[in-house]
Amino acid sequence: MKKILIVEDDSIIISILVFLLKKEGYEVFIAKDGDEGIIKIGEIKPDLIITDILMPYKSGLDLLAFSRRDYPSLPIIVISSLGKEDFTVIEAFKMGVKDFIAKPFNPIELVAIVGKYL
């Protein structure tokens, strides 16, 4: 079973993502900020990460920098209310993000994008 780590601070978004991804047969893990996300990457060795960018403690970009250094081939998808043209999102792509999903997101699109990388 493929493992997905969701790093997100919005509990409603977390609930939706967990429901959608478990329904597709994925094992889902949660981190509510970048610090917790970095710890869980090492603990669970996920097959894919879905992360927000704007979070407490460490941002999605901090999480990206860590994961690229230690797990360079790990696919990461950014899910954010920032626009795709936002400087921070562009920076995330430069750091190796595989895809971007805008909030609010289309559940069918999200499942398809996750499936593309797993």
Foldseek 3Di string as FASTA:
>chain_A
DAEEEEAAQDVVVVVVVVVLVVVVPYHYHYHNFLVSVLVVCVVPVGQEYEYEADHPPHGPVNSLVSCCVVPVVRAYEYEYQDDCPDPSNVVSVVSPHPYYAYPVGDSVVVVVVVVVSD
